[in-house]
Protein backbone atom coordinates (compact mmCIF):
# COMPACT_ATOMS: atom_id res chain seq x y z
CA UNK A 1 0.00 0.00 0.00
CA UNK A 2 1.43 3.32 -1.03
CA UNK A 3 1.31 6.43 1.11
CA UNK A 4 -0.56 8.30 -1.64
CA UNK A 5 -3.27 5.60 -1.58
CA UNK A 6 -3.58 5.97 2.17
CA UNK A 7 -3.77 9.76 2.04
CA UNK A 8 -6.61 9.57 -0.50
CA UNK A 9 -8.88 7.78 2.00
CA UNK A 10 -11.23 9.36 4.52
CA UNK A 11 -10.76 9.00 8.26
CA UNK A 12 -13.49 6.34 8.50
CA UNK A 13 -11.93 4.34 5.68
CA UNK A 14 -8.55 4.59 7.38
CA UNK A 15 -9.98 3.29 10.64
CA UNK A 16 -11.57 0.35 8.82
CA UNK A 17 -8.31 -0.36 7.04
CA UNK A 18 -6.45 -0.25 10.35
CA UNK A 19 -8.81 -2.79 11.90
CA UNK A 20 -8.40 -5.10 8.92
CA UNK A 21 -4.62 -4.82 9.02
CA UNK A 22 -4.54 -5.55 12.76
CA UNK A 23 -6.64 -8.68 12.19
CA UNK A 24 -4.30 -9.77 9.42
CA UNK A 25 -1.29 -9.13 11.65
CA UNK A 26 -2.82 -11.29 14.38
CA UNK A 27 -3.49 -14.11 11.91
CA UNK A 28 0.06 -13.91 10.55
CA UNK A 29 1.51 -14.05 14.06
CA UNK A 30 -0.66 -17.07 14.82
CA UNK A 31 0.47 -18.79 11.61
CA UNK A 32 4.10 -18.09 12.45
CA UNK A 33 3.68 -19.56 15.93
CA UNK A 34 2.15 -22.74 14.52
CA UNK A 35 4.78 -23.04 11.75
CA UNK A 36 2.17 -22.53 8.99
CA UNK A 37 3.35 -19.17 7.70
CA UNK A 38 4.22 -19.31 3.99
CA UNK A 39 5.06 -15.70 3.22
CA UNK A 40 7.30 -14.32 5.96
CA UNK A 41 7.73 -11.01 4.16
CA UNK A 42 4.02 -10.28 4.55
CA UNK A 43 4.54 -9.77 8.30
CA UNK A 44 6.87 -6.86 7.60
CA UNK A 45 4.57 -5.39 4.94
CA UNK A 46 1.55 -5.45 7.25
CA UNK A 47 3.51 -3.89 10.11
CA UNK A 48 4.64 -1.05 7.87
CA UNK A 49 1.14 -0.57 6.43
CA UNK A 50 -0.21 -0.24 9.97
CA UNK A 51 2.40 2.42 10.74
CA UNK A 52 1.58 4.21 7.49
CA UNK A 53 -2.15 4.30 8.28
CA UNK A 54 -1.55 5.47 11.85
CA UNK A 55 0.73 8.25 10.63
CA UNK A 56 -1.82 9.53 8.12
CA UNK A 57 -4.59 9.31 10.73
CA UNK A 58 -2.51 11.41 13.12
CA UNK A 59 -1.76 13.95 10.39
CA UNK A 60 -5.41 14.26 9.42
CA UNK A 61 -6.67 14.54 12.99
CA UNK A 62 -4.03 17.18 13.70
CA UNK A 63 -5.04 19.18 10.65
CA UNK A 64 -8.70 19.00 11.74
CA UNK A 65 -7.79 20.35 15.19
CA UNK A 66 -5.93 23.34 13.78
CA UNK A 67 -8.69 24.19 11.30
PDB file of N, CA and C in Angstrom:
ATOM      1  N   UNK A   1       0.851  -1.164   0.000  1.00  0.00           N
ATOM      2  CA  UNK A   1       0.000   0.000   0.000  1.00  0.00           C
ATOM      3  C   UNK A   1       0.903   1.237   0.000  1.00  0.00           C
ATOM      4  N   UNK A   2       0.636   2.117  -0.919  1.00  0.00           N
ATOM      5  CA  UNK A   2       1.434   3.324  -1.034  1.00  0.00           C
ATOM      6  C   UNK A   2       0.866   4.417  -0.135  1.00  0.00           C
ATOM      7  N   UNK A   3       1.724   5.334   0.254  1.00  0.00           N
ATOM      8  CA  UNK A   3       1.309   6.435   1.111  1.00  0.00           C
ATOM      9  C   UNK A   3       0.279   7.313   0.408  1.00  0.00           C
ATOM     10  N   UNK A   4       0.399   7.475  -0.901  1.00  0.00           N
ATOM     11  CA  UNK A   4      -0.562   8.297  -1.641  1.00  0.00           C
ATOM     12  C   UNK A   4      -1.947   7.650  -1.637  1.00  0.00           C
ATOM     13  N   UNK A   5      -1.983   6.304  -1.665  1.00  0.00           N
ATOM     14  CA  UNK A   5      -3.266   5.600  -1.576  1.00  0.00           C
ATOM     15  C   UNK A   5      -3.900   5.816  -0.211  1.00  0.00           C
ATOM     16  N   UNK A   6      -3.075   5.796   0.810  1.00  0.00           N
ATOM     17  CA  UNK A   6      -3.581   5.966   2.175  1.00  0.00           C
ATOM     18  C   UNK A   6      -4.093   7.382   2.383  1.00  0.00           C
ATOM     19  N   UNK A   7      -3.363   8.362   1.858  1.00  0.00           N
ATOM     20  CA  UNK A   7      -3.773   9.762   2.042  1.00  0.00           C
ATOM     21  C   UNK A   7      -5.064  10.094   1.295  1.00  0.00           C
ATOM     22  N   UNK A   8      -5.404   9.306   0.283  1.00  0.00           N
ATOM     23  CA  UNK A   8      -6.609   9.567  -0.497  1.00  0.00           C
ATOM     24  C   UNK A   8      -7.871   9.107   0.233  1.00  0.00           C
ATOM     25  N   UNK A   9      -7.720   8.323   1.292  1.00  0.00           N
ATOM     26  CA  UNK A   9      -8.882   7.781   2.004  1.00  0.00           C
ATOM     27  C   UNK A   9      -9.375   8.742   3.073  1.00  0.00           C
ATOM     28  N   UNK A  10     -10.658   8.561   3.439  1.00  0.00           N
ATOM     29  CA  UNK A  10     -11.229   9.361   4.515  1.00  0.00           C
ATOM     30  C   UNK A  10     -10.826   8.759   5.863  1.00  0.00           C
ATOM     31  N   UNK A  11     -11.120   9.472   6.924  1.00  0.00           N
ATOM     32  CA  UNK A  11     -10.758   9.004   8.264  1.00  0.00           C
ATOM     33  C   UNK A  11     -11.471   7.693   8.595  1.00  0.00           C
ATOM     34  N   UNK A  12     -12.749   7.579   8.227  1.00  0.00           N
ATOM     35  CA  UNK A  12     -13.489   6.345   8.498  1.00  0.00           C
ATOM     36  C   UNK A  12     -12.911   5.167   7.717  1.00  0.00           C
ATOM     37  N   UNK A  13     -12.539   5.407   6.476  1.00  0.00           N
ATOM     38  CA  UNK A  13     -11.930   4.343   5.675  1.00  0.00           C
ATOM     39  C   UNK A  13     -10.592   3.925   6.259  1.00  0.00           C
ATOM     40  N   UNK A  14      -9.845   4.896   6.774  1.00  0.00           N
ATOM     41  CA  UNK A  14      -8.555   4.586   7.379  1.00  0.00           C
ATOM     42  C   UNK A  14      -8.725   3.743   8.637  1.00  0.00           C
ATOM     43  N   UNK A  15      -9.732   4.068   9.422  1.00  0.00           N
ATOM     44  CA  UNK A  15      -9.982   3.288  10.641  1.00  0.00           C
ATOM     45  C   UNK A  15     -10.379   1.855  10.295  1.00  0.00           C
ATOM     46  N   UNK A  16     -11.194   1.692   9.263  1.00  0.00           N
ATOM     47  CA  UNK A  16     -11.574   0.350   8.824  1.00  0.00           C
ATOM     48  C   UNK A  16     -10.361  -0.424   8.301  1.00  0.00           C
ATOM     49  N   UNK A  17      -9.518   0.259   7.559  1.00  0.00           N
ATOM     50  CA  UNK A  17      -8.305  -0.363   7.039  1.00  0.00           C
ATOM     51  C   UNK A  17      -7.386  -0.781   8.181  1.00  0.00           C
ATOM     52  N   UNK A  18      -7.291   0.060   9.198  1.00  0.00           N
ATOM     53  CA  UNK A  18      -6.445  -0.245  10.345  1.00  0.00           C
ATOM     54  C   UNK A  18      -6.937  -1.493  11.077  1.00  0.00           C
ATOM     55  N   UNK A  19      -8.238  -1.605  11.248  1.00  0.00           N
ATOM     56  CA  UNK A  19      -8.806  -2.788  11.902  1.00  0.00           C
ATOM     57  C   UNK A  19      -8.508  -4.044  11.086  1.00  0.00           C
ATOM     58  N   UNK A  20      -8.670  -3.944   9.779  1.00  0.00           N
ATOM     59  CA  UNK A  20      -8.405  -5.102   8.915  1.00  0.00           C
ATOM     60  C   UNK A  20      -6.935  -5.506   8.963  1.00  0.00           C
ATOM     61  N   UNK A  21      -6.053  -4.519   8.968  1.00  0.00           N
ATOM     62  CA  UNK A  21      -4.623  -4.817   9.016  1.00  0.00           C
ATOM     63  C   UNK A  21      -4.229  -5.443  10.355  1.00  0.00           C
ATOM     64  N   UNK A  22      -4.832  -4.968  11.438  1.00  0.00           N
ATOM     65  CA  UNK A  22      -4.538  -5.552  12.755  1.00  0.00           C
ATOM     66  C   UNK A  22      -4.999  -7.005  12.823  1.00  0.00           C
ATOM     67  N   UNK A  23      -6.156  -7.296  12.226  1.00  0.00           N
ATOM     68  CA  UNK A  23      -6.639  -8.682  12.190  1.00  0.00           C
ATOM     69  C   UNK A  23      -5.691  -9.554  11.382  1.00  0.00           C
ATOM     70  N   UNK A  24      -5.236  -9.021  10.254  1.00  0.00           N
ATOM     71  CA  UNK A  24      -4.300  -9.772   9.424  1.00  0.00           C
ATOM     72  C   UNK A  24      -2.987 -10.011  10.159  1.00  0.00           C
ATOM     73  N   UNK A  25      -2.529  -8.985  10.886  1.00  0.00           N
ATOM     74  CA  UNK A  25      -1.294  -9.126  11.650  1.00  0.00           C
ATOM     75  C   UNK A  25      -1.434 -10.215  12.713  1.00  0.00           C
ATOM     76  N   UNK A  26      -2.574 -10.258  13.388  1.00  0.00           N
ATOM     77  CA  UNK A  26      -2.817 -11.295  14.382  1.00  0.00           C
ATOM     78  C   UNK A  26      -2.787 -12.677  13.731  1.00  0.00           C
ATOM     79  N   UNK A  27      -3.460 -12.812  12.594  1.00  0.00           N
ATOM     80  CA  UNK A  27      -3.488 -14.106  11.907  1.00  0.00           C
ATOM     81  C   UNK A  27      -2.090 -14.528  11.452  1.00  0.00           C
ATOM     82  N   UNK A  28      -1.305 -13.585  10.979  1.00  0.00           N
ATOM     83  CA  UNK A  28       0.055 -13.905  10.550  1.00  0.00           C
ATOM     84  C   UNK A  28       0.917 -14.338  11.737  1.00  0.00           C
ATOM     85  N   UNK A  29       0.755 -13.653  12.872  1.00  0.00           N
ATOM     86  CA  UNK A  29       1.515 -14.054  14.064  1.00  0.00           C
ATOM     87  C   UNK A  29       1.118 -15.458  14.511  1.00  0.00           C
ATOM     88  N   UNK A  30      -0.165 -15.744  14.434  1.00  0.00           N
ATOM     89  CA  UNK A  30      -0.662 -17.067  14.819  1.00  0.00           C
ATOM     90  C   UNK A  30      -0.101 -18.134  13.885  1.00  0.00           C
ATOM     91  N   UNK A  31      -0.083 -17.846  12.580  1.00  0.00           N
ATOM     92  CA  UNK A  31       0.469 -18.795  11.613  1.00  0.00           C
ATOM     93  C   UNK A  31       1.960 -19.014  11.847  1.00  0.00           C
ATOM     94  N   UNK A  32       2.669 -17.954  12.196  1.00  0.00           N
ATOM     95  CA  UNK A  32       4.100 -18.094  12.451  1.00  0.00           C
ATOM     96  C   UNK A  32       4.345 -18.955  13.689  1.00  0.00           C
ATOM     97  N   UNK A  33       3.510 -18.789  14.706  1.00  0.00           N
ATOM     98  CA  UNK A  33       3.678 -19.562  15.934  1.00  0.00           C
ATOM     99  C   UNK A  33       3.397 -21.043  15.708  1.00  0.00           C
ATOM    100  N   UNK A  34       2.500 -21.345  14.778  1.00  0.00           N
ATOM    101  CA  UNK A  34       2.153 -22.737  14.519  1.00  0.00           C
ATOM    102  C   UNK A  34       2.908 -23.309  13.322  1.00  0.00           C
ATOM    103  N   UNK A  35       3.926 -22.592  12.864  1.00  0.00           N
ATOM    104  CA  UNK A  35       4.777 -23.038  11.753  1.00  0.00           C
ATOM    105  C   UNK A  35       4.002 -23.231  10.444  1.00  0.00           C
ATOM    106  N   UNK A  36       2.969 -22.430  10.212  1.00  0.00           N
ATOM    107  CA  UNK A  36       2.173 -22.532   8.994  1.00  0.00           C
ATOM    108  C   UNK A  36       2.313 -21.312   8.089  1.00  0.00           C
ATOM    109  N   UNK A  37       3.194 -20.405   8.458  1.00  0.00           N
ATOM    110  CA  UNK A  37       3.351 -19.171   7.696  1.00  0.00           C
ATOM    111  C   UNK A  37       4.149 -19.440   6.426  1.00  0.00           C
ATOM    112  N   UNK A  38       3.561 -19.077   5.273  1.00  0.00           N
ATOM    113  CA  UNK A  38       4.218 -19.312   3.993  1.00  0.00           C
ATOM    114  C   UNK A  38       5.005 -18.082   3.537  1.00  0.00           C
ATOM    115  N   UNK A  39       4.423 -16.920   3.697  1.00  0.00           N
ATOM    116  CA  UNK A  39       5.058 -15.695   3.221  1.00  0.00           C
ATOM    117  C   UNK A  39       5.530 -14.869   4.423  1.00  0.00           C
ATOM    118  N   UNK A  40       6.781 -15.035   4.792  1.00  0.00           N
ATOM    119  CA  UNK A  40       7.303 -14.318   5.959  1.00  0.00           C
ATOM    120  C   UNK A  40       7.438 -12.823   5.710  1.00  0.00           C
ATOM    121  N   UNK A  41       7.582 -12.430   4.463  1.00  0.00           N
ATOM    122  CA  UNK A  41       7.731 -11.007   4.163  1.00  0.00           C
ATOM    123  C   UNK A  41       6.427 -10.241   4.374  1.00  0.00           C
ATOM    124  N   UNK A  42       5.318 -10.943   4.358  1.00  0.00           N
ATOM    125  CA  UNK A  42       4.018 -10.279   4.552  1.00  0.00           C
ATOM    126  C   UNK A  42       3.906  -9.680   5.949  1.00  0.00           C
ATOM    127  N   UNK A  43       4.559 -10.292   6.935  1.00  0.00           N
ATOM    128  CA  UNK A  43       4.535  -9.771   8.304  1.00  0.00           C
ATOM    129  C   UNK A  43       5.109  -8.355   8.324  1.00  0.00           C
ATOM    130  N   UNK A  44       6.222  -8.175   7.652  1.00  0.00           N
ATOM    131  CA  UNK A  44       6.874  -6.862   7.597  1.00  0.00           C
ATOM    132  C   UNK A  44       6.012  -5.857   6.838  1.00  0.00           C
ATOM    133  N   UNK A  45       5.416  -6.286   5.730  1.00  0.00           N
ATOM    134  CA  UNK A  45       4.569  -5.392   4.940  1.00  0.00           C
ATOM    135  C   UNK A  45       3.377  -4.900   5.744  1.00  0.00           C
ATOM    136  N   UNK A  46       2.735  -5.815   6.461  1.00  0.00           N
ATOM    137  CA  UNK A  46       1.552  -5.446   7.247  1.00  0.00           C
ATOM    138  C   UNK A  46       1.939  -4.491   8.364  1.00  0.00           C
ATOM    139  N   UNK A  47       3.070  -4.766   9.017  1.00  0.00           N
ATOM    140  CA  UNK A  47       3.513  -3.893  10.107  1.00  0.00           C
ATOM    141  C   UNK A  47       3.767  -2.478   9.599  1.00  0.00           C
ATOM    142  N   UNK A  48       4.366  -2.371   8.434  1.00  0.00           N
ATOM    143  CA  UNK A  48       4.637  -1.050   7.865  1.00  0.00           C
ATOM    144  C   UNK A  48       3.369  -0.368   7.376  1.00  0.00           C
ATOM    145  N   UNK A  49       2.424  -1.143   6.850  1.00  0.00           N
ATOM    146  CA  UNK A  49       1.139  -0.569   6.429  1.00  0.00           C
ATOM    147  C   UNK A  49       0.382  -0.011   7.627  1.00  0.00           C
ATOM    148  N   UNK A  50       0.436  -0.722   8.754  1.00  0.00           N
ATOM    149  CA  UNK A  50      -0.211  -0.239   9.975  1.00  0.00           C
ATOM    150  C   UNK A  50       0.410   1.091  10.394  1.00  0.00           C
ATOM    151  N   UNK A  51       1.717   1.168  10.369  1.00  0.00           N
ATOM    152  CA  UNK A  51       2.402   2.416  10.737  1.00  0.00           C
ATOM    153  C   UNK A  51       2.030   3.543   9.784  1.00  0.00           C
ATOM    154  N   UNK A  52       1.937   3.217   8.494  1.00  0.00           N
ATOM    155  CA  UNK A  52       1.575   4.211   7.489  1.00  0.00           C
ATOM    156  C   UNK A  52       0.172   4.765   7.759  1.00  0.00           C
ATOM    157  N   UNK A  53      -0.768   3.873   8.030  1.00  0.00           N
ATOM    158  CA  UNK A  53      -2.148   4.299   8.280  1.00  0.00           C
ATOM    159  C   UNK A  53      -2.225   5.125   9.556  1.00  0.00           C
ATOM    160  N   UNK A  54      -1.528   4.711  10.600  1.00  0.00           N
ATOM    161  CA  UNK A  54      -1.547   5.468  11.851  1.00  0.00           C
ATOM    162  C   UNK A  54      -0.949   6.857  11.673  1.00  0.00           C
ATOM    163  N   UNK A  55       0.092   6.954  10.882  1.00  0.00           N
ATOM    164  CA  UNK A  55       0.727   8.246  10.628  1.00  0.00           C
ATOM    165  C   UNK A  55      -0.227   9.191   9.911  1.00  0.00           C
ATOM    166  N   UNK A  56      -0.889   8.685   8.885  1.00  0.00           N
ATOM    167  CA  UNK A  56      -1.820   9.528   8.125  1.00  0.00           C
ATOM    168  C   UNK A  56      -3.019   9.912   8.994  1.00  0.00           C
ATOM    169  N   UNK A  57      -3.497   8.985   9.817  1.00  0.00           N
ATOM    170  CA  UNK A  57      -4.593   9.312  10.733  1.00  0.00           C
ATOM    171  C   UNK A  57      -4.188  10.439  11.682  1.00  0.00           C
ATOM    172  N   UNK A  58      -2.988  10.369  12.216  1.00  0.00           N
ATOM    173  CA  UNK A  58      -2.511  11.414  13.121  1.00  0.00           C
ATOM    174  C   UNK A  58      -2.385  12.745  12.394  1.00  0.00           C
ATOM    175  N   UNK A  59      -1.891  12.720  11.177  1.00  0.00           N
ATOM    176  CA  UNK A  59      -1.761  13.954  10.389  1.00  0.00           C
ATOM    177  C   UNK A  59      -3.122  14.578  10.130  1.00  0.00           C
ATOM    178  N   UNK A  60      -4.086  13.727   9.736  1.00  0.00           N
ATOM    179  CA  UNK A  60      -5.410  14.257   9.419  1.00  0.00           C
ATOM    180  C   UNK A  60      -6.126  14.768  10.660  1.00  0.00           C
ATOM    181  N   UNK A  61      -6.002  14.074  11.771  1.00  0.00           N
ATOM    182  CA  UNK A  61      -6.670  14.541  12.987  1.00  0.00           C
ATOM    183  C   UNK A  61      -6.016  15.824  13.481  1.00  0.00           C
ATOM    184  N   UNK A  62      -4.719  15.952  13.303  1.00  0.00           N
ATOM    185  CA  UNK A  62      -4.029  17.178  13.702  1.00  0.00           C
ATOM    186  C   UNK A  62      -4.445  18.351  12.836  1.00  0.00           C
ATOM    187  N   UNK A  63      -4.623  18.103  11.541  1.00  0.00           N
ATOM    188  CA  UNK A  63      -5.040  19.176  10.646  1.00  0.00           C
ATOM    189  C   UNK A  63      -6.488  19.605  10.924  1.00  0.00           C
ATOM    190  N   UNK A  64      -7.319  18.656  11.383  1.00  0.00           N
ATOM    191  CA  UNK A  64      -8.695  19.001  11.735  1.00  0.00           C
ATOM    192  C   UNK A  64      -8.734  19.850  13.008  1.00  0.00           C
ATOM    193  N   UNK A  65      -7.828  19.592  13.948  1.00  0.00           N
ATOM    194  CA  UNK A  65      -7.788  20.349  15.189  1.00  0.00           C
ATOM    195  C   UNK A  65      -7.356  21.784  14.954  1.00  0.00           C
ATOM    196  N   UNK A  66      -6.423  21.991  14.027  1.00  0.00           N
ATOM    197  CA  UNK A  66      -5.928  23.342  13.779  1.00  0.00           C
ATOM    198  C   UNK A  66      -6.875  24.144  12.897  1.00  0.00           C
ATOM    199  N   UNK A  67      -7.757  23.482  12.182  1.00  0.00           N
ATOM    200  CA  UNK A  67      -8.690  24.191  11.297  1.00  0.00           C
ATOM    201  C   UNK A  67      -9.806  24.850  12.053  1.00  0.00           C
TER     202      UNK A  67
END
